[in-house]
Protein backbone atom coordinates (compact mmCIF):
# COMPACT_ATOMS: atom_id res chain seq x y z
CA UNK A 1 82.08 329.04 133.62
CA UNK A 2 84.71 331.38 134.99
CA UNK A 3 87.63 333.52 133.42
CA UNK A 4 90.55 331.13 134.34
CA UNK A 5 89.63 327.44 134.09
CA UNK A 6 91.09 325.63 137.15
CA UNK A 7 93.05 322.57 136.94
CA UNK A 8 93.49 320.16 138.89
CA UNK A 9 96.25 317.03 138.21
CA UNK A 10 95.84 313.72 138.85
CA UNK A 11 99.39 311.80 139.51
CA UNK A 12 102.76 313.22 139.98
CA UNK A 13 105.07 311.56 136.61
CA UNK A 14 106.79 312.80 134.05
CA UNK A 15 104.20 313.55 132.02
CA UNK A 16 102.15 315.35 134.57
CA UNK A 17 105.33 317.70 134.96
CA UNK A 18 105.51 318.49 131.13
CA UNK A 19 101.31 319.26 131.44
CA UNK A 20 101.94 321.65 134.45
CA UNK A 21 104.80 323.08 132.41
CA UNK A 22 102.38 323.54 129.45
CA UNK A 23 99.70 325.31 131.18
CA UNK A 24 101.98 328.32 131.75
CA UNK A 25 101.73 328.90 128.46
CA UNK A 26 97.75 329.90 129.10
CA UNK A 27 96.47 333.17 130.70
CA UNK A 28 93.48 331.80 130.92
CA UNK A 29 93.89 328.55 132.24
CA UNK A 30 95.29 327.88 136.18
CA UNK A 31 96.85 324.87 137.89
CA UNK A 32 94.72 324.71 141.24
CA UNK A 33 95.45 321.76 142.38
CA UNK A 34 97.73 318.44 142.82
CA UNK A 35 96.57 314.52 144.17
CA UNK A 36 98.89 311.94 144.53
CA UNK A 37 99.10 308.45 146.75
CA UNK A 38 101.08 310.15 149.48
CA UNK A 39 101.46 313.57 151.09
CA UNK A 40 104.74 314.31 150.83
CA UNK A 41 105.15 313.49 146.67
CA UNK A 42 101.86 315.76 146.21
CA UNK A 43 103.92 318.37 148.16
CA UNK A 44 107.46 317.50 145.86
CA UNK A 45 105.30 318.13 142.86
CA UNK A 46 103.42 320.99 144.22
CA UNK A 47 106.29 323.12 145.68
CA UNK A 48 108.27 322.68 142.23
CA UNK A 49 105.35 323.70 139.92
CA UNK A 50 104.12 326.32 142.15
CA UNK A 51 100.33 324.81 143.53
CA UNK A 52 98.69 325.92 145.74
CA UNK A 53 96.32 322.55 146.54
CA UNK A 54 98.22 319.41 147.49
CA UNK A 55 96.43 316.36 147.90
CA UNK A 56 97.55 312.92 149.87
CA UNK A 57 94.69 311.10 147.98
CA UNK A 58 93.36 310.78 144.18
CA UNK A 59 90.19 311.99 146.23
CA UNK A 60 91.22 314.57 147.67
CA UNK A 61 91.96 315.73 144.25
CA UNK A 62 88.81 315.47 142.25
CA UNK A 63 86.07 316.82 145.30
CA UNK A 64 88.38 320.09 145.97
CA UNK A 65 85.76 322.73 145.26
CA UNK A 66 88.71 324.92 143.29
CA UNK A 67 89.34 322.43 140.25
CA UNK A 68 87.25 322.46 137.51
CA UNK A 69 88.80 319.95 135.32
CA UNK A 70 91.01 316.33 135.98
CA UNK A 71 94.16 315.47 134.08
CA UNK A 72 94.60 312.03 135.21
CA UNK A 73 98.74 311.63 134.32
CA UNK A 74 98.89 308.29 135.81
CA UNK A 75 100.23 304.93 134.01
CA UNK A 76 97.86 303.72 131.44
CA UNK A 77 96.55 300.37 133.71
CA UNK A 78 94.88 303.04 136.14
CA UNK A 79 92.93 305.44 134.04
CA UNK A 80 90.16 303.57 133.91
CA UNK A 81 89.07 304.17 137.55
CA UNK A 82 91.00 307.37 137.74
CA UNK A 83 88.71 308.87 135.56
CA UNK A 84 85.52 307.22 136.42
CA UNK A 85 86.77 308.45 140.01
CA UNK A 86 86.50 312.16 138.71
CA UNK A 87 83.93 311.81 136.78
CA UNK A 88 81.64 310.64 139.40
CA UNK A 89 83.11 313.23 141.51
CA UNK A 90 81.24 316.08 139.18
CA UNK A 91 84.87 317.04 136.97
CA UNK A 92 85.28 317.36 133.79
CA UNK A 93 88.35 314.92 132.88
CA UNK A 94 91.52 315.64 129.98
CA UNK A 95 93.17 311.35 130.16
CA UNK A 96 96.16 310.95 129.18
CA UNK A 97 96.44 308.35 126.34
CA UNK A 98 95.56 305.63 126.13
CA UNK A 99 91.78 306.28 127.75
CA UNK A 100 92.22 302.65 128.76
CA UNK A 101 93.99 299.70 128.42
CA UNK A 102 91.09 297.79 126.48
CA UNK A 103 87.89 298.14 124.62
CA UNK A 104 85.58 297.21 127.53
CA UNK A 105 86.99 300.07 129.63
CA UNK A 106 86.99 302.17 127.39
CA UNK A 107 83.30 301.75 126.83
CA UNK A 108 82.65 301.99 130.47
CA UNK A 109 84.70 305.66 130.60
CA UNK A 110 82.81 307.21 127.75
CA UNK A 111 79.20 305.78 128.72
CA UNK A 112 79.99 307.01 132.39
CA UNK A 113 80.90 310.24 130.67
CA UNK A 114 78.08 310.65 128.55
CA UNK A 115 75.85 309.49 131.26
CA UNK A 116 76.92 312.09 133.59
CA UNK A 117 77.14 314.93 131.13
CA UNK A 118 80.78 316.04 131.49
CA UNK A 119 83.36 316.25 129.09
CA UNK A 120 86.40 313.54 128.10
CA UNK A 121 88.64 314.17 125.92
CA UNK A 122 91.98 311.55 125.49
CA UNK A 123 95.15 313.71 125.55
CA UNK A 124 96.26 312.71 122.15
CA UNK A 125 98.78 315.85 122.31
CA UNK A 126 100.44 315.81 119.42
CA UNK A 127 96.89 316.14 116.93
CA UNK A 128 96.29 319.74 118.58
CA UNK A 129 100.06 320.86 117.40
CA UNK A 130 100.34 323.10 114.97
CA UNK A 131 101.73 321.62 112.53
CA UNK A 132 99.59 318.77 112.39
CA UNK A 133 96.73 321.47 112.03
CA UNK A 134 98.52 322.69 109.04
CA UNK A 135 98.60 318.37 107.69
CA UNK A 136 95.14 319.18 107.93
CA UNK A 137 94.72 322.21 105.97
CA UNK A 138 96.65 321.07 103.20
CA UNK A 139 94.63 317.85 103.27
CA UNK A 140 91.53 319.87 103.34
CA UNK A 141 92.70 321.72 100.11
CA UNK A 142 93.57 319.03 98.67
CA UNK A 143 97.03 319.86 97.58
CA UNK A 144 98.66 315.90 97.33
CA UNK A 145 95.47 314.25 96.44
CA UNK A 146 94.27 311.38 97.72
CA UNK A 147 95.97 309.82 100.34
CA UNK A 148 97.29 306.94 99.11
CA UNK A 149 99.88 305.68 101.47
CA UNK A 150 100.63 306.26 105.47
CA UNK A 151 104.48 305.55 106.31
CA UNK A 152 105.52 305.82 109.83
CA UNK A 153 107.72 304.67 112.64
CA UNK A 154 108.19 305.63 116.21
CA UNK A 155 111.23 303.49 117.82
CA UNK A 156 113.65 304.30 120.92
CA UNK A 157 115.97 302.29 122.70
CA UNK A 158 114.39 301.61 126.31
CA UNK A 159 116.53 300.86 129.07
CA UNK A 160 117.19 297.40 129.93
CA UNK A 161 115.86 297.38 133.34
CA UNK A 162 113.65 294.11 132.37
CA UNK A 163 111.50 295.95 136.04
CA UNK A 164 111.27 298.76 134.51
CA UNK A 165 107.31 299.73 133.47
CA UNK A 166 107.76 298.94 129.87
CA UNK A 167 108.86 295.85 129.95
CA UNK A 168 106.02 295.16 132.73
CA UNK A 169 102.80 293.52 131.83
CA UNK A 170 101.26 294.25 134.78
CA UNK A 171 101.69 298.27 133.64
CA UNK A 172 100.70 297.19 130.29
CA UNK A 173 104.11 297.55 128.48
CA UNK A 174 105.49 296.99 125.30
CA UNK A 175 105.83 298.96 122.29
CA UNK A 176 101.52 298.96 121.02
CA UNK A 177 100.41 300.90 123.91
CA UNK A 178 103.46 303.36 124.66
CA UNK A 179 104.61 304.60 121.01
CA UNK A 180 102.42 302.33 118.51
CA UNK A 181 99.56 305.43 119.51
CA UNK A 182 101.33 307.86 117.18
CA UNK A 183 101.18 305.73 113.98
CA UNK A 184 98.35 304.35 114.93
CA UNK A 185 97.01 307.71 115.92
CA UNK A 186 97.82 309.39 112.66
CA UNK A 187 96.23 306.77 110.68
CA UNK A 188 92.66 307.09 112.11
CA UNK A 189 93.27 311.19 111.85
CA UNK A 190 93.71 310.56 107.64
CA UNK A 191 91.93 307.43 106.63
CA UNK A 192 89.14 306.50 109.86
CA UNK A 193 88.68 302.73 111.13
CA UNK A 194 90.42 300.45 109.12
CA UNK A 195 88.11 297.11 108.14
CA UNK A 196 91.45 294.95 107.80
CA UNK A 197 94.60 294.89 110.00
CA UNK A 198 97.53 292.59 109.58
CA UNK A 199 100.09 292.37 112.37
CA UNK A 200 103.38 290.70 113.15
CA UNK A 201 105.35 291.41 116.74
CA UNK A 202 108.16 290.51 118.87
CA UNK A 203 107.18 289.62 122.07
CA UNK A 204 110.33 289.82 124.87
CA UNK A 205 111.08 287.82 127.65
CA UNK A 206 108.55 289.58 130.25
CA UNK A 207 105.95 288.73 127.46
CA UNK A 208 105.44 292.44 126.49
CA UNK A 209 105.10 293.51 122.63
CA UNK A 210 109.18 294.79 122.39
CA UNK A 211 108.23 295.72 118.50
CA UNK A 212 105.82 294.76 115.58
CA UNK A 213 104.69 295.88 112.25
CA UNK A 214 101.35 297.13 111.69
CA UNK A 215 99.35 297.54 108.05
CA UNK A 216 96.15 298.86 108.19
CA UNK A 217 93.34 298.91 105.19
CA UNK A 218 90.62 297.90 103.75
CA UNK A 219 89.24 301.97 103.40
CA UNK A 220 87.12 302.47 100.94
CA UNK A 221 89.37 303.82 98.10
CA UNK A 222 92.12 301.29 98.72
CA UNK A 223 94.76 303.16 101.18
CA UNK A 224 96.98 301.80 103.44
CA UNK A 225 98.74 302.38 106.24
CA UNK A 226 101.94 300.96 107.16
CA UNK A 227 104.00 301.59 110.48
CA UNK A 228 106.44 299.85 112.49
CA UNK A 229 106.88 300.34 116.39
CA UNK A 230 109.73 299.05 118.59
CA UNK A 231 111.55 300.13 121.94
CA UNK A 232 114.22 297.95 121.26
CA UNK A 233 115.96 300.57 119.02
CA UNK A 234 116.33 304.25 117.66
CA UNK A 235 113.95 304.63 115.14
CA UNK A 236 113.73 307.83 112.80
CA UNK A 237 110.08 308.44 114.20
CA UNK A 238 108.53 309.93 111.27
CA UNK A 239 106.08 309.58 108.88
CA UNK A 240 105.79 310.32 105.32
CA UNK A 241 102.27 310.88 103.50
CA UNK A 242 101.80 309.36 99.56
CA UNK A 243 99.03 311.44 97.72
CA UNK A 244 97.81 310.61 94.52
CA UNK A 245 99.53 314.46 93.29
CA UNK A 246 102.71 314.59 95.88
CA UNK A 247 104.02 314.05 99.30
CA UNK A 248 103.95 315.67 102.57
CA UNK A 249 107.00 314.54 105.13
CA UNK A 250 106.60 314.49 108.73
CA UNK A 251 110.58 315.08 109.82
CA UNK A 252 112.70 313.39 112.55
CA UNK A 253 113.49 316.35 114.39
CA UNK A 254 111.66 316.42 117.39
CA UNK A 255 110.17 313.43 116.05
CA UNK A 256 106.56 312.18 114.74
CA UNK A 257 105.35 312.66 118.56
CA UNK A 258 105.78 316.29 118.09
CA UNK A 259 106.46 317.92 114.81
CA UNK A 260 107.04 321.07 113.94
CA UNK A 261 108.37 321.05 110.27
CA UNK A 262 106.49 319.41 106.81
CA UNK A 263 107.85 319.31 103.00
CA UNK A 264 105.73 319.34 100.95
CA UNK A 265 106.98 317.54 97.48
CA UNK A 266 105.30 317.96 94.24
CA UNK A 267 106.22 316.66 90.59
CA UNK A 268 108.55 318.82 89.28
CA UNK A 269 109.19 321.36 91.62
CA UNK A 270 111.35 322.12 94.12
CA UNK A 271 110.61 320.71 98.00
CA UNK A 272 108.82 323.03 99.59
CA UNK A 273 109.55 323.69 103.44
CA UNK A 274 107.19 324.52 106.04
CA UNK A 275 107.77 325.41 109.67
CA UNK A 276 105.26 325.33 111.70
CA UNK A 277 106.76 325.91 114.63
CA UNK A 278 104.95 324.89 118.57
CA UNK A 279 104.73 327.83 122.07
CA UNK A 280 106.53 326.16 125.41
CA UNK A 281 106.65 322.22 125.21
CA UNK A 282 103.36 321.71 123.26
CA UNK A 283 101.42 321.05 125.66
CA UNK A 284 99.27 323.36 126.71
CA UNK A 285 97.25 323.03 122.79
CA UNK A 286 95.26 320.11 123.82
CA UNK A 287 94.37 322.02 127.59
CA UNK A 288 92.94 324.38 125.06
CA UNK A 289 91.08 322.58 123.29
CA UNK A 290 89.78 320.99 126.42
CA UNK A 291 89.48 324.67 127.64
CA UNK A 292 87.53 326.17 124.54
CA UNK A 293 85.29 322.77 124.43
CA UNK A 294 84.03 322.99 128.33
CA UNK A 295 83.25 327.14 127.90
CA UNK A 296 80.80 326.42 125.01
CA UNK A 297 79.23 323.60 127.01
CA UNK A 298 80.23 320.67 124.76
CA UNK A 299 81.34 317.06 126.22
CA UNK A 300 83.65 315.98 123.34
CA UNK A 301 85.82 317.34 120.98
CA UNK A 302 85.55 317.17 117.37
CA UNK A 303 88.85 316.81 116.74
CA UNK A 304 89.84 313.82 119.44
CA UNK A 305 86.00 312.13 119.04
CA UNK A 306 85.08 309.52 121.81
CA UNK A 307 84.13 307.90 119.17
CA UNK A 308 87.39 307.83 117.70
CA UNK A 309 88.69 306.67 120.71
CA UNK A 310 86.46 303.52 120.99
CA UNK A 311 87.34 302.52 117.37
CA UNK A 312 91.25 303.20 118.21
CA UNK A 313 91.28 300.63 121.39
CA UNK A 314 89.60 298.25 119.52
CA UNK A 315 92.12 298.27 116.67
CA UNK A 316 94.72 298.18 119.58
CA UNK A 317 93.24 295.86 120.53
CA UNK A 318 93.43 293.81 117.52
CA UNK A 319 96.73 294.11 116.74
CA UNK A 320 97.84 293.46 120.21
CA UNK A 321 96.06 289.68 119.85
């Protein structure tokens, strides 16, 4: 492994641009190449972000000898094919969330990565932010005792254009796979996989879930994770952990997807506000984890393990059904 790890980005959408900007925070990372379905869009992206190698096909990107690891930034339904292409070319992969859109595809991807002995991680970027690291520290120190309830939400008012991605079933549109990932992933971080799931959703005229309420339970200690998600209205987008000794609140600004402020509330004491800012746009933290694992010869992350990604999508499938 070289001192500088060279990244290739597969896809040129908004999320790819955010990741490209995030990599600039890392002195030991280089954005070496970008791949698109057309040379024109690859060139536009490369010019905008200062990328030397540009490929008018995904195959060209993954076969580039100057790429050490691939970030898959395409829409959800294409993750399986794009990850399999990258792994088959011998490239480690960081894949945008969700790893795939259903359990079978996710299991196939994970099995292929393990067969090839290559690193693979789902890009649950918020889990690597300093605020979530601080939250894990507080919980490990038993500051609020046993967490009994997680209450979380994520909602925004999407464009009303029925032809947009969020309203398109063929592009895995809907609230669950777009924003439901955040509160459900937080529940997984706290409690692990649930054995009981209750959910109710509203299916809109295009056939996608536009909002839903979810309860995850059946945990050994009786804890419950309660959340709602919507693409029909702007919600607070925050979370509260209720423990046997106190509470921790993840604030709405800028939101559950990238928190930088916690409030610790203990009975009989003034609230303690804890600022945990992140550098840049925050996308480099997950990239740094990938590079740390690669240098250590690991093929998965302890913070975002593959078994959790597989169990997570099983839960999402059950909620969706």
